[in-house]
Amino acid sequence: MRKIALVVVLVVGMAMVFGGGQQEGKKLEFSASTGGMSASSPGGQGMAKFAEKVAEYSNGTIEIKVFYDTTLGSPSSMVSGMQQGTIDFGVCGDAYYSSLVPEIQVFELPYMFDSVAEARAAVAGPAGQAISEKLAKKGIQPLTFWEIGFRNLTNSKKAVNSPADLKGLKVRTLPATFQVKAWESAGAIPVPMDVSELYSALQQGVVDGQENPLSEIYNQRFHEVQKFMSLTAHVYTPMLFSAGGQTWARLTAEQQEIIKRAAKDAQAVVYSVNDTENANYLKNIKAAGVTVNENPDRQAFKSLMSGSQSLFSTQYGDEMLKLLNK
């Protein structure tokens, strides 16, 4: 399967900061990964806007060159690379940051949010700020939350209307504790797996199904190797766009403001694409021959999967849930 990466090259003509000191006429090259998302995905389009706006706001003194390739690796290795200083910028689903700050999983607890508007307000609020502060202490500088969106279930075996239909199904889940627990509770056989491995795993029958937002199901071509989809909308997945801490420290205050402003503009593009394109993604998935259940028994899924909130509180306390007013 294709994994998409994006390399960002920033060229500053007058002065740059490196190791705390300015170096006149020097070129700094920064790398950034889209964490496996394609150029046509909401995240890919957001990155394109980010590049455009950085150039605009810097009056051409910062040039961003975008390459879509597999060079920078998987989402997991991207997060490690940002922390270690080998990758400068990256965006991926929040679960991939959970090895550094496990509390970030609060946003992806099953049926935590009832609407996109509620979810977006939550990540922009006190809980999102608290998570960002925790990550900043771990060598990651969060910039802004983007989103992948609400996740839905697909599989190659049978139509799924309720948790009872999950018996015996091997479902790829996000590599995060509470995602695994939720699918166990619902009756599936969860298989944590990096998204970079997922297409081939579905194609070869290593797993029977997976769960992702419509944009990823379509843009990653999972619909080519799946026969059934249920619009369970069980989890909302934010994406966190971040800089490596070491990279961030090398930027001047002015350069940091340019990056933050452009990242916010890119967030608006990601949100807009999801708002306008989900209907088209669904239409195209149906046209490819996937049988879609648009009204599965979501309440039954919610009843079984929502126990993850109690497990989260037991393990990490209720600070984050209180910040979300849950």
C-alpha atoms as a PDB file:
ATOM      1  CA  MET A   1       0.000   0.000   0.000  1.00  0.00           C
ATOM      2  CA  ARG A   2       1.098   3.536  -0.594  1.00  0.00           C
ATOM      3  CA  LYS A   3       2.282   5.562   2.358  1.00  0.00           C
ATOM      4  CA  ILE A   4       2.439   9.220   1.846  1.00  0.00           C
ATOM      5  CA  ALA A   5       5.072  11.454   3.235  1.00  0.00           C
ATOM      6  CA  LEU A   6       5.746  15.069   2.675  1.00  0.00           C
ATOM      7  CA  VAL A   7       9.040  16.889   2.847  1.00  0.00           C
ATOM      8  CA  VAL A   8       9.128  20.544   3.646  1.00  0.00           C
ATOM      9  CA  VAL A   9      12.092  22.700   2.723  1.00  0.00           C
ATOM     10  CA  LEU A  10      12.250  26.139   4.290  1.00  0.00           C
ATOM     11  CA  VAL A  11      14.700  28.624   2.814  1.00  0.00           C
ATOM     12  CA  VAL A  12      15.334  31.828   4.722  1.00  0.00           C
ATOM     13  CA  GLY A  13      17.244  34.455   2.823  1.00  0.00           C
ATOM     14  CA  MET A  14      18.259  36.928   5.499  1.00  0.00           C
ATOM     15  CA  ALA A  15      18.854  35.144   8.808  1.00  0.00           C
ATOM     16  CA  MET A  16      18.107  31.805  10.413  1.00  0.00           C
ATOM     17  CA  VAL A  17      18.421  30.445  13.902  1.00  0.00           C
ATOM     18  CA  PHE A  18      20.367  27.220  14.351  1.00  0.00           C
ATOM     19  CA  GLY A  19      21.596  25.985  17.692  1.00  0.00           C
ATOM     20  CA  GLY A  20      20.577  29.283  19.228  1.00  0.00           C
ATOM     21  CA  GLY A  21      22.593  31.570  16.931  1.00  0.00           C
ATOM     22  CA  GLN A  22      21.783  33.365  13.691  1.00  0.00           C
ATOM     23  CA  GLN A  23      23.534  32.256  10.510  1.00  0.00           C
ATOM     24  CA  GLU A  24      23.305  34.738   7.644  1.00  0.00           C
ATOM     25  CA  GLY A  25      22.628  33.307   4.216  1.00  0.00           C
ATOM     26  CA  LYS A  26      22.195  29.754   5.491  1.00  0.00           C
ATOM     27  CA  LYS A  27      19.517  27.398   4.248  1.00  0.00           C
ATOM     28  CA  LEU A  28      17.558  25.250   6.662  1.00  0.00           C
ATOM     29  CA  GLU A  29      15.658  22.223   5.385  1.00  0.00           C
ATOM     30  CA  PHE A  30      12.778  20.889   7.426  1.00  0.00           C
ATOM     31  CA  SER A  31      10.984  17.595   6.848  1.00  0.00           C
ATOM     32  CA  ALA A  32       7.293  16.987   7.436  1.00  0.00           C
ATOM     33  CA  SER A  33       5.231  13.824   7.125  1.00  0.00           C
ATOM     34  CA  THR A  34       1.537  13.462   6.381  1.00  0.00           C
ATOM     35  CA  GLY A  35       1.552  10.238   8.377  1.00  0.00           C
ATOM     36  CA  GLY A  36       0.441   8.010   5.494  1.00  0.00           C
ATOM     37  CA  MET A  37      -2.272  10.229   4.022  1.00  0.00           C
ATOM     38  CA  SER A  38      -2.570  10.847   0.300  1.00  0.00           C
ATOM     39  CA  ALA A  39      -2.361  14.203  -1.462  1.00  0.00           C
ATOM     40  CA  SER A  40      -6.097  14.092  -2.160  1.00  0.00           C
ATOM     41  CA  SER A  41      -7.072  13.351   1.434  1.00  0.00           C
ATOM     42  CA  PRO A  42      -8.198  16.145   3.777  1.00  0.00           C
ATOM     43  CA  GLY A  43      -4.831  15.974   5.521  1.00  0.00           C
ATOM     44  CA  GLY A  44      -2.949  16.083   2.240  1.00  0.00           C
ATOM     45  CA  GLN A  45      -4.913  19.111   1.086  1.00  0.00           C
ATOM     46  CA  GLY A  46      -4.265  20.739   4.440  1.00  0.00           C
ATOM     47  CA  MET A  47      -0.529  20.272   3.976  1.00  0.00           C
ATOM     48  CA  ALA A  48      -0.688  21.876   0.547  1.00  0.00           C
ATOM     49  CA  LYS A  49      -2.425  24.903   2.064  1.00  0.00           C
ATOM     50  CA  PHE A  50       0.169  25.011   4.833  1.00  0.00           C
ATOM     51  CA  ALA A  51       2.951  25.224   2.240  1.00  0.00           C
ATOM     52  CA  GLU A  52       1.138  27.934   0.319  1.00  0.00           C
ATOM     53  CA  LYS A  53       0.464  30.083   3.366  1.00  0.00           C
ATOM     54  CA  VAL A  54       3.967  29.822   4.798  1.00  0.00           C
ATOM     55  CA  ALA A  55       5.307  31.188   1.515  1.00  0.00           C
ATOM     56  CA  GLU A  56       2.732  33.969   1.521  1.00  0.00           C
ATOM     57  CA  TYR A  57       3.212  35.058   5.129  1.00  0.00           C
ATOM     58  CA  SER A  58       7.002  35.008   4.876  1.00  0.00           C
ATOM     59  CA  ASN A  59       6.967  37.151   1.716  1.00  0.00           C
ATOM     60  CA  GLY A  60       8.854  34.427  -0.076  1.00  0.00           C
ATOM     61  CA  THR A  61      11.674  34.125   2.451  1.00  0.00           C
ATOM     62  CA  ILE A  62      10.406  30.710   3.502  1.00  0.00           C
ATOM     63  CA  GLU A  63       9.960  28.235   0.688  1.00  0.00           C
ATOM     64  CA  ILE A  64       8.102  24.976   1.225  1.00  0.00           C
ATOM     65  CA  LYS A  65       8.694  22.185  -1.251  1.00  0.00           C
ATOM     66  CA  VAL A  66       6.323  19.242  -1.023  1.00  0.00           C
ATOM     67  CA  PHE A  67       7.222  15.644  -1.927  1.00  0.00           C
ATOM     68  CA  TYR A  68       4.743  12.785  -1.622  1.00  0.00           C
ATOM     69  CA  ASP A  69       6.712   9.626  -0.971  1.00  0.00           C
ATOM     70  CA  THR A  70       7.359   6.891   1.588  1.00  0.00           C
ATOM     71  CA  THR A  71      10.688   8.336   2.655  1.00  0.00           C
ATOM     72  CA  LEU A  72       9.760   9.458   6.162  1.00  0.00           C
ATOM     73  CA  GLY A  73       8.076   6.234   7.259  1.00  0.00           C
ATOM     74  CA  SER A  74       4.963   5.289   9.210  1.00  0.00           C
ATOM     75  CA  PRO A  75       2.986   7.498  11.610  1.00  0.00           C
ATOM     76  CA  SER A  76       4.607   5.749  14.583  1.00  0.00           C
ATOM     77  CA  SER A  77       8.123   6.329  13.280  1.00  0.00           C
ATOM     78  CA  MET A  78       7.170   9.899  12.362  1.00  0.00           C
ATOM     79  CA  VAL A  79       6.265  10.729  15.966  1.00  0.00           C
ATOM     80  CA  SER A  80       9.489   9.152  17.203  1.00  0.00           C
ATOM     81  CA  GLY A  81      11.420  11.067  14.559  1.00  0.00           C
ATOM     82  CA  MET A  82       9.938  14.387  15.638  1.00  0.00           C
ATOM     83  CA  GLN A  83      10.815  13.652  19.245  1.00  0.00           C
ATOM     84  CA  GLN A  84      14.366  12.660  18.328  1.00  0.00           C
ATOM     85  CA  GLY A  85      14.932  15.563  15.944  1.00  0.00           C
ATOM     86  CA  THR A  86      15.154  13.580  12.707  1.00  0.00           C
ATOM     87  CA  ILE A  87      11.735  14.742  11.419  1.00  0.00           C
ATOM     88  CA  ASP A  88      10.705  18.344  11.844  1.00  0.00           C
ATOM     89  CA  PHE A  89       6.947  18.523  11.234  1.00  0.00           C
ATOM     90  CA  GLY A  90       4.211  15.917  11.060  1.00  0.00           C
ATOM     91  CA  VAL A  91       0.502  15.247  11.282  1.00  0.00           C
ATOM     92  CA  CYS A  92      -1.285  12.011  12.128  1.00  0.00           C
ATOM     93  CA  GLY A  93      -4.136  10.602  14.195  1.00  0.00           C
ATOM     94  CA  ASP A  94      -3.892  11.305  17.903  1.00  0.00           C
ATOM     95  CA  ALA A  95      -3.499   7.633  18.860  1.00  0.00           C
ATOM     96  CA  TYR A  96       0.050   7.654  17.512  1.00  0.00           C
ATOM     97  CA  TYR A  97       1.027  10.180  20.190  1.00  0.00           C
ATOM     98  CA  SER A  98      -0.360   8.015  22.999  1.00  0.00           C
ATOM     99  CA  SER A  99       2.993   6.373  23.776  1.00  0.00           C
ATOM    100  CA  LEU A 100       4.207   9.811  24.887  1.00  0.00           C
ATOM    101  CA  VAL A 101       1.018  11.177  26.473  1.00  0.00           C
ATOM    102  CA  PRO A 102      -1.547   8.398  26.941  1.00  0.00           C
ATOM    103  CA  GLU A 103      -4.179  10.897  28.100  1.00  0.00           C
ATOM    104  CA  ILE A 104      -4.534  12.034  24.489  1.00  0.00           C
ATOM    105  CA  GLN A 105      -6.698   8.952  23.996  1.00  0.00           C
ATOM    106  CA  VAL A 106      -9.547  10.773  25.729  1.00  0.00           C
ATOM    107  CA  PHE A 107     -10.558  12.328  22.402  1.00  0.00           C
ATOM    108  CA  GLU A 108     -10.899   8.910  20.786  1.00  0.00           C
ATOM    109  CA  LEU A 109     -12.927   7.136  23.432  1.00  0.00           C
ATOM    110  CA  PRO A 110     -15.980   5.545  21.779  1.00  0.00           C
ATOM    111  CA  TYR A 111     -19.057   7.729  21.446  1.00  0.00           C
ATOM    112  CA  MET A 112     -17.416  10.606  23.294  1.00  0.00           C
ATOM    113  CA  PHE A 113     -18.939  13.222  20.985  1.00  0.00           C
ATOM    114  CA  ASP A 114     -22.363  13.509  19.391  1.00  0.00           C
ATOM    115  CA  SER A 115     -21.392  15.807  16.533  1.00  0.00           C
ATOM    116  CA  VAL A 116     -18.473  17.183  14.564  1.00  0.00           C
ATOM    117  CA  ALA A 117     -19.083  20.642  16.030  1.00  0.00           C
ATOM    118  CA  GLU A 118     -18.882  19.292  19.578  1.00  0.00           C
ATOM    119  CA  ALA A 119     -15.670  17.391  18.815  1.00  0.00           C
ATOM    120  CA  ARG A 120     -13.966  20.374  17.197  1.00  0.00           C
ATOM    121  CA  ALA A 121     -14.846  22.586  20.149  1.00  0.00           C
ATOM    122  CA  ALA A 122     -13.434  19.981  22.541  1.00  0.00           C
ATOM    123  CA  VAL A 123      -9.996  19.724  20.940  1.00  0.00           C
ATOM    124  CA  ALA A 124      -9.820  23.529  20.735  1.00  0.00           C
ATOM    125  CA  GLY A 125     -10.701  23.882  24.410  1.00  0.00           C
ATOM    126  CA  PRO A 126      -9.056  23.268  27.802  1.00  0.00           C
ATOM    127  CA  ALA A 127      -8.546  19.538  27.232  1.00  0.00           C
ATOM    128  CA  GLY A 128      -6.688  20.142  23.991  1.00  0.00           C
ATOM    129  CA  GLN A 129      -4.535  22.773  25.669  1.00  0.00           C
ATOM    130  CA  ALA A 130      -3.697  20.425  28.548  1.00  0.00           C
ATOM    131  CA  ILE A 131      -2.672  17.664  26.145  1.00  0.00           C
ATOM    132  CA  SER A 132      -0.532  20.113  24.169  1.00  0.00           C
ATOM    133  CA  GLU A 133       1.292  21.189  27.323  1.00  0.00           C
ATOM    134  CA  LYS A 134       2.021  17.575  28.244  1.00  0.00           C
ATOM    135  CA  LEU A 135       3.391  16.811  24.785  1.00  0.00           C
ATOM    136  CA  ALA A 136       5.582  19.911  24.812  1.00  0.00           C
ATOM    137  CA  LYS A 137       7.392  18.398  27.803  1.00  0.00           C
ATOM    138  CA  LYS A 138       8.047  15.253  25.750  1.00  0.00           C
ATOM    139  CA  GLY A 139       9.893  16.889  22.871  1.00  0.00           C
ATOM    140  CA  ILE A 140       6.855  17.528  20.647  1.00  0.00           C
ATOM    141  CA  GLN A 141       5.495  21.033  19.987  1.00  0.00           C
ATOM    142  CA  PRO A 142       1.780  20.791  19.088  1.00  0.00           C
ATOM    143  CA  LEU A 143       0.616  23.467  16.647  1.00  0.00           C
ATOM    144  CA  THR A 144      -3.048  22.798  15.988  1.00  0.00           C
ATOM    145  CA  PHE A 145      -5.572  19.999  15.857  1.00  0.00           C
ATOM    146  CA  TRP A 146      -6.825  18.952  12.431  1.00  0.00           C
ATOM    147  CA  GLU A 147      -9.155  15.988  12.016  1.00  0.00           C
ATOM    148  CA  ILE A 148      -9.683  12.729  10.206  1.00  0.00           C
ATOM    149  CA  GLY A 149     -13.286  12.574  11.406  1.00  0.00           C
ATOM    150  CA  PHE A 150     -15.799  10.024  12.650  1.00  0.00           C
ATOM    151  CA  ARG A 151     -14.794   6.410  12.056  1.00  0.00           C
ATOM    152  CA  ASN A 152     -16.893   3.668  10.431  1.00  0.00           C
ATOM    153  CA  LEU A 153     -16.502  -0.093  10.193  1.00  0.00           C
ATOM    154  CA  THR A 154     -15.772  -2.089   7.033  1.00  0.00           C
ATOM    155  CA  ASN A 155     -15.133  -5.801   6.530  1.00  0.00           C
ATOM    156  CA  SER A 156     -14.863  -8.462   3.846  1.00  0.00           C
ATOM    157  CA  LYS A 157     -17.043 -11.155   5.442  1.00  0.00           C
ATOM    158  CA  LYS A 158     -20.592 -10.061   6.221  1.00  0.00           C
ATOM    159  CA  ALA A 159     -23.023  -7.237   6.823  1.00  0.00           C
ATOM    160  CA  VAL A 160     -22.763  -5.807  10.337  1.00  0.00           C
ATOM    161  CA  ASN A 161     -25.780  -4.255  12.007  1.00  0.00           C
ATOM    162  CA  SER A 162     -25.095  -4.891  15.699  1.00  0.00           C
ATOM    163  CA  PRO A 163     -22.248  -6.082  17.914  1.00  0.00           C
ATOM    164  CA  ALA A 164     -23.571  -9.630  17.647  1.00  0.00           C
ATOM    165  CA  ASP A 165     -22.438  -9.605  14.015  1.00  0.00           C
ATOM    166  CA  LEU A 166     -18.822  -8.984  15.046  1.00  0.00           C
ATOM    167  CA  LYS A 167     -18.262 -12.475  16.436  1.00  0.00           C
ATOM    168  CA  GLY A 168     -15.185 -14.012  14.845  1.00  0.00           C
ATOM    169  CA  LEU A 169     -14.253 -10.889  12.866  1.00  0.00           C
ATOM    170  CA  LYS A 170     -10.625  -9.791  13.037  1.00  0.00           C
ATOM    171  CA  VAL A 171     -10.754  -5.991  13.004  1.00  0.00           C
ATOM    172  CA  ARG A 172      -7.700  -3.794  12.665  1.00  0.00           C
ATOM    173  CA  THR A 173      -7.757  -1.127  15.330  1.00  0.00           C
ATOM    174  CA  LEU A 174      -5.653   1.883  16.146  1.00  0.00           C
ATOM    175  CA  PRO A 175      -2.553   0.994  18.171  1.00  0.00           C
ATOM    176  CA  ALA A 176      -4.054   2.455  21.349  1.00  0.00           C
ATOM    177  CA  THR A 177      -5.164   0.650  24.513  1.00  0.00           C
ATOM    178  CA  PHE A 178      -8.724   1.882  24.693  1.00  0.00           C
ATOM    179  CA  GLN A 179      -9.438   1.206  21.032  1.00  0.00           C
ATOM    180  CA  VAL A 180      -8.457  -2.418  21.566  1.00  0.00           C
ATOM    181  CA  LYS A 181     -10.574  -2.668  24.717  1.00  0.00           C
ATOM    182  CA  ALA A 182     -13.594  -1.146  22.997  1.00  0.00           C
ATOM    183  CA  TRP A 183     -13.565  -3.673  20.150  1.00  0.00           C
ATOM    184  CA  GLU A 184     -13.031  -6.536  22.573  1.00  0.00           C
ATOM    185  CA  SER A 185     -16.072  -5.346  24.506  1.00  0.00           C
ATOM    186  CA  ALA A 186     -18.118  -5.231  21.312  1.00  0.00           C
ATOM    187  CA  GLY A 187     -17.219  -8.834  20.462  1.00  0.00           C
ATOM    188  CA  ALA A 188     -14.631  -8.448  17.702  1.00  0.00           C
ATOM    189  CA  ILE A 189     -11.076  -9.766  17.621  1.00  0.00           C
ATOM    190  CA  PRO A 190      -9.027  -6.531  17.636  1.00  0.00           C
ATOM    191  CA  VAL A 191      -5.679  -6.466  15.847  1.00  0.00           C
ATOM    192  CA  PRO A 192      -3.626  -3.308  16.543  1.00  0.00           C
ATOM    193  CA  MET A 193      -1.751  -2.350  13.399  1.00  0.00           C
ATOM    194  CA  ASP A 194      -0.075   0.666  11.868  1.00  0.00           C
ATOM    195  CA  VAL A 195      -2.080   2.107   9.002  1.00  0.00           C
ATOM    196  CA  SER A 196       0.940   1.688   6.734  1.00  0.00           C
ATOM    197  CA  GLU A 197       0.421  -2.088   6.842  1.00  0.00           C
ATOM    198  CA  LEU A 198      -3.356  -2.094   6.547  1.00  0.00           C
ATOM    199  CA  TYR A 199      -4.118  -2.321   2.823  1.00  0.00           C
ATOM    200  CA  SER A 200      -1.962  -5.405   2.310  1.00  0.00           C
ATOM    201  CA  ALA A 201      -3.301  -6.960   5.526  1.00  0.00           C
ATOM    202  CA  LEU A 202      -6.882  -6.566   4.239  1.00  0.00           C
ATOM    203  CA  GLN A 203      -5.920  -7.794   0.789  1.00  0.00           C
ATOM    204  CA  GLN A 204      -4.218 -10.907   2.162  1.00  0.00           C
ATOM    205  CA  GLY A 205      -6.872 -11.677   4.774  1.00  0.00           C
ATOM    206  CA  VAL A 206      -4.598 -11.066   7.764  1.00  0.00           C
ATOM    207  CA  VAL A 207      -7.508  -9.032   9.118  1.00  0.00           C
ATOM    208  CA  ASP A 208     -11.145  -9.133   8.002  1.00  0.00           C
ATOM    209  CA  GLY A 209     -11.999  -5.526   8.579  1.00  0.00           C
ATOM    210  CA  GLN A 210     -10.950  -2.099   9.753  1.00  0.00           C
ATOM    211  CA  GLU A 211     -12.437   1.176  10.961  1.00  0.00           C
ATOM    212  CA  ASN A 212     -11.660   4.596   9.559  1.00  0.00           C
ATOM    213  CA  PRO A 213     -13.408   7.802   8.486  1.00  0.00           C
ATOM    214  CA  LEU A 214     -14.897   7.896   4.992  1.00  0.00           C
ATOM    215  CA  SER A 215     -12.049  10.038   3.677  1.00  0.00           C
ATOM    216  CA  GLU A 216      -9.446   7.436   4.619  1.00  0.00           C
ATOM    217  CA  ILE A 217     -11.540   4.467   3.498  1.00  0.00           C
ATOM    218  CA  TYR A 218     -11.795   6.033   0.069  1.00  0.00           C
ATOM    219  CA  ASN A 219      -8.425   7.754  -0.329  1.00  0.00           C
ATOM    220  CA  GLN A 220      -6.485   4.774   0.999  1.00  0.00           C
ATOM    221  CA  ARG A 221      -8.562   2.528  -1.321  1.00  0.00           C
ATOM    222  CA  PHE A 222      -9.698   0.220   1.472  1.00  0.00           C
ATOM    223  CA  HIS A 223     -13.019  -0.062  -0.355  1.00  0.00           C
ATOM    224  CA  GLU A 224     -11.197  -2.072  -3.025  1.00  0.00           C
ATOM    225  CA  VAL A 225     -10.575  -4.919  -0.577  1.00  0.00           C
ATOM    226  CA  GLN A 226     -13.738  -4.703   1.548  1.00  0.00           C
ATOM    227  CA  LYS A 227     -17.306  -5.759   0.738  1.00  0.00           C
ATOM    228  CA  PHE A 228     -19.354  -4.275   3.589  1.00  0.00           C
ATOM    229  CA  MET A 229     -19.455  -0.989   5.486  1.00  0.00           C
ATOM    230  CA  SER A 230     -21.497   0.076   8.508  1.00  0.00           C
ATOM    231  CA  LEU A 231     -21.759   3.768   9.386  1.00  0.00           C
ATOM    232  CA  THR A 232     -21.165   3.218  13.092  1.00  0.00           C
ATOM    233  CA  ALA A 233     -19.581   6.665  13.701  1.00  0.00           C
ATOM    234  CA  HIS A 234     -18.141   5.141  16.865  1.00  0.00           C
ATOM    235  CA  VAL A 235     -15.044   7.285  17.350  1.00  0.00           C
ATOM    236  CA  TYR A 236     -13.956  10.781  16.384  1.00  0.00           C
ATOM    237  CA  THR A 237     -10.295  11.003  15.360  1.00  0.00           C
ATOM    238  CA  PRO A 238      -8.479  14.327  15.584  1.00  0.00           C
ATOM    239  CA  MET A 239      -5.141  14.748  13.850  1.00  0.00           C
ATOM    240  CA  LEU A 240      -2.442  16.657  15.645  1.00  0.00           C
ATOM    241  CA  PHE A 241      -0.132  18.795  13.520  1.00  0.00           C
ATOM    242  CA  SER A 242       3.124  19.248  15.400  1.00  0.00           C
ATOM    243  CA  ALA A 243       6.731  20.310  15.195  1.00  0.00           C
ATOM    244  CA  GLY A 244       9.609  18.462  16.749  1.00  0.00           C
ATOM    245  CA  GLY A 245      10.704  20.243  19.909  1.00  0.00           C
ATOM    246  CA  GLN A 246      14.285  20.633  18.739  1.00  0.00           C
ATOM    247  CA  THR A 247      13.149  22.083  15.427  1.00  0.00           C
ATOM    248  CA  TRP A 248      10.797  24.512  17.125  1.00  0.00           C
ATOM    249  CA  ALA A 249      13.557  25.793  19.397  1.00  0.00           C
ATOM    250  CA  ARG A 250      15.699  26.673  16.381  1.00  0.00           C
ATOM    251  CA  LEU A 251      13.083  28.995  14.891  1.00  0.00           C
ATOM    252  CA  THR A 252      12.879  32.699  15.581  1.00  0.00           C
ATOM    253  CA  ALA A 253       9.725  34.028  17.194  1.00  0.00           C
ATOM    254  CA  GLU A 254       8.685  35.511  13.845  1.00  0.00           C
ATOM    255  CA  GLN A 255       9.156  32.193  12.056  1.00  0.00           C
ATOM    256  CA  GLN A 256       7.156  30.415  14.749  1.00  0.00           C
ATOM    257  CA  GLU A 257       4.269  32.822  14.241  1.00  0.00           C
ATOM    258  CA  ILE A 258       4.344  32.205  10.482  1.00  0.00           C
ATOM    259  CA  ILE A 259       4.201  28.445  11.025  1.00  0.00           C
ATOM    260  CA  LYS A 260       1.377  28.669  13.584  1.00  0.00           C
ATOM    261  CA  ARG A 261      -0.680  31.001  11.411  1.00  0.00           C
ATOM    262  CA  ALA A 262      -0.268  28.764   8.353  1.00  0.00           C
ATOM    263  CA  ALA A 263      -1.116  25.650  10.393  1.00  0.00           C
ATOM    264  CA  LYS A 264      -4.367  27.288  11.513  1.00  0.00           C
ATOM    265  CA  ASP A 265      -5.268  28.156   7.921  1.00  0.00           C
ATOM    266  CA  ALA A 266      -4.569  24.562   6.954  1.00  0.00           C
ATOM    267  CA  GLN A 267      -6.896  23.366   9.707  1.00  0.00           C
ATOM    268  CA  ALA A 268      -9.727  25.352   8.108  1.00  0.00           C
ATOM    269  CA  VAL A 269      -9.081  23.586   4.802  1.00  0.00           C
ATOM    270  CA  VAL A 270      -9.136  20.144   6.423  1.00  0.00           C
ATOM    271  CA  TYR A 271     -12.413  20.915   8.170  1.00  0.00           C
ATOM    272  CA  SER A 272     -13.941  22.299   4.977  1.00  0.00           C
ATOM    273  CA  VAL A 273     -12.932  19.274   2.903  1.00  0.00           C
ATOM    274  CA  ASN A 274     -14.495  16.918   5.426  1.00  0.00           C
ATOM    275  CA  ASP A 275     -17.670  19.001   5.582  1.00  0.00           C
ATOM    276  CA  THR A 276     -18.119  19.113   1.823  1.00  0.00           C
ATOM    277  CA  GLU A 277     -16.679  15.818   0.608  1.00  0.00           C
ATOM    278  CA  ASN A 278     -18.030  13.126   2.938  1.00  0.00           C
ATOM    279  CA  ALA A 279     -21.164  12.686   0.827  1.00  0.00           C
ATOM    280  CA  ASN A 280     -18.990  12.170  -2.251  1.00  0.00           C
ATOM    281  CA  TYR A 281     -16.760   9.682  -0.468  1.00  0.00           C
ATOM    282  CA  LEU A 282     -19.835   7.678   0.517  1.00  0.00           C
ATOM    283  CA  LYS A 283     -21.245   7.825  -3.003  1.00  0.00           C
ATOM    284  CA  ASN A 284     -17.969   6.633  -4.507  1.00  0.00           C
ATOM    285  CA  ILE A 285     -17.604   3.797  -2.012  1.00  0.00           C
ATOM    286  CA  LYS A 286     -21.102   2.576  -2.876  1.00  0.00           C
ATOM    287  CA  ALA A 287     -20.344   2.886  -6.588  1.00  0.00           C
ATOM    288  CA  ALA A 288     -17.330   0.622  -6.091  1.00  0.00           C
ATOM    289  CA  GLY A 289     -19.690  -2.164  -5.028  1.00  0.00           C
ATOM    290  CA  VAL A 290     -19.479  -1.938  -1.236  1.00  0.00           C
ATOM    291  CA  THR A 291     -22.742  -2.780   0.538  1.00  0.00           C
ATOM    292  CA  VAL A 292     -23.389   0.051   3.015  1.00  0.00           C
ATOM    293  CA  ASN A 293     -25.541  -0.109   6.129  1.00  0.00           C
ATOM    294  CA  GLU A 294     -26.298   3.544   6.820  1.00  0.00           C
ATOM    295  CA  ASN A 295     -28.286   2.919  10.005  1.00  0.00           C
ATOM    296  CA  PRO A 296     -26.682   0.212  12.124  1.00  0.00           C
ATOM    297  CA  ASP A 297     -27.703  -0.193  15.768  1.00  0.00           C
ATOM    298  CA  ARG A 298     -25.408   2.510  17.096  1.00  0.00           C
ATOM    299  CA  GLN A 299     -27.013   2.415  20.542  1.00  0.00           C
ATOM    300  CA  ALA A 300     -26.053  -1.241  20.892  1.00  0.00           C
ATOM    301  CA  PHE A 301     -22.464  -0.430  19.960  1.00  0.00           C
ATOM    302  CA  LYS A 302     -22.446   2.521  22.333  1.00  0.00           C
ATOM    303  CA  SER A 303     -23.744   0.431  25.247  1.00  0.00           C
ATOM    304  CA  LEU A 304     -20.919  -2.073  24.908  1.00  0.00           C
ATOM    305  CA  MET A 305     -18.075   0.233  23.940  1.00  0.00           C
ATOM    306  CA  SER A 306     -18.654   3.186  26.275  1.00  0.00           C
ATOM    307  CA  GLY A 307     -17.185   1.277  29.198  1.00  0.00           C
ATOM    308  CA  SER A 308     -13.851   2.521  27.898  1.00  0.00           C
ATOM    309  CA  GLN A 309     -14.515   5.822  29.677  1.00  0.00           C
ATOM    310  CA  SER A 310     -14.489   4.089  33.070  1.00  0.00           C
ATOM    311  CA  LEU A 311     -11.325   2.211  32.174  1.00  0.00           C
ATOM    312  CA  PHE A 312      -9.719   5.484  31.129  1.00  0.00           C
ATOM    313  CA  SER A 313     -10.652   7.149  34.432  1.00  0.00           C
ATOM    314  CA  THR A 314      -9.315   4.218  36.436  1.00  0.00           C
ATOM    315  CA  GLN A 315      -5.977   4.343  34.679  1.00  0.00           C
ATOM    316  CA  TYR A 316      -5.432   8.070  34.152  1.00  0.00           C
ATOM    317  CA  GLY A 317      -7.859   9.819  36.452  1.00  0.00           C
ATOM    318  CA  ASP A 318     -10.777  11.999  35.452  1.00  0.00           C
ATOM    319  CA  GLU A 319      -8.975  15.296  34.823  1.00  0.00           C
ATOM    320  CA  MET A 320      -9.385  15.132  31.052  1.00  0.00           C
ATOM    321  CA  LEU A 321     -12.988  13.991  31.215  1.00  0.00           C
ATOM    322  CA  LYS A 322     -13.755  16.900  33.544  1.00  0.00           C
ATOM    323  CA  LEU A 323     -12.097  19.305  31.122  1.00  0.00           C
ATOM    324  CA  LEU A 324     -14.411  17.875  28.458  1.00  0.00           C
ATOM    325  CA  ASN A 325     -17.347  18.158  30.900  1.00  0.00           C
ATOM    326  CA  LYS A 326     -18.038  14.426  30.490  1.00  0.00           C
END
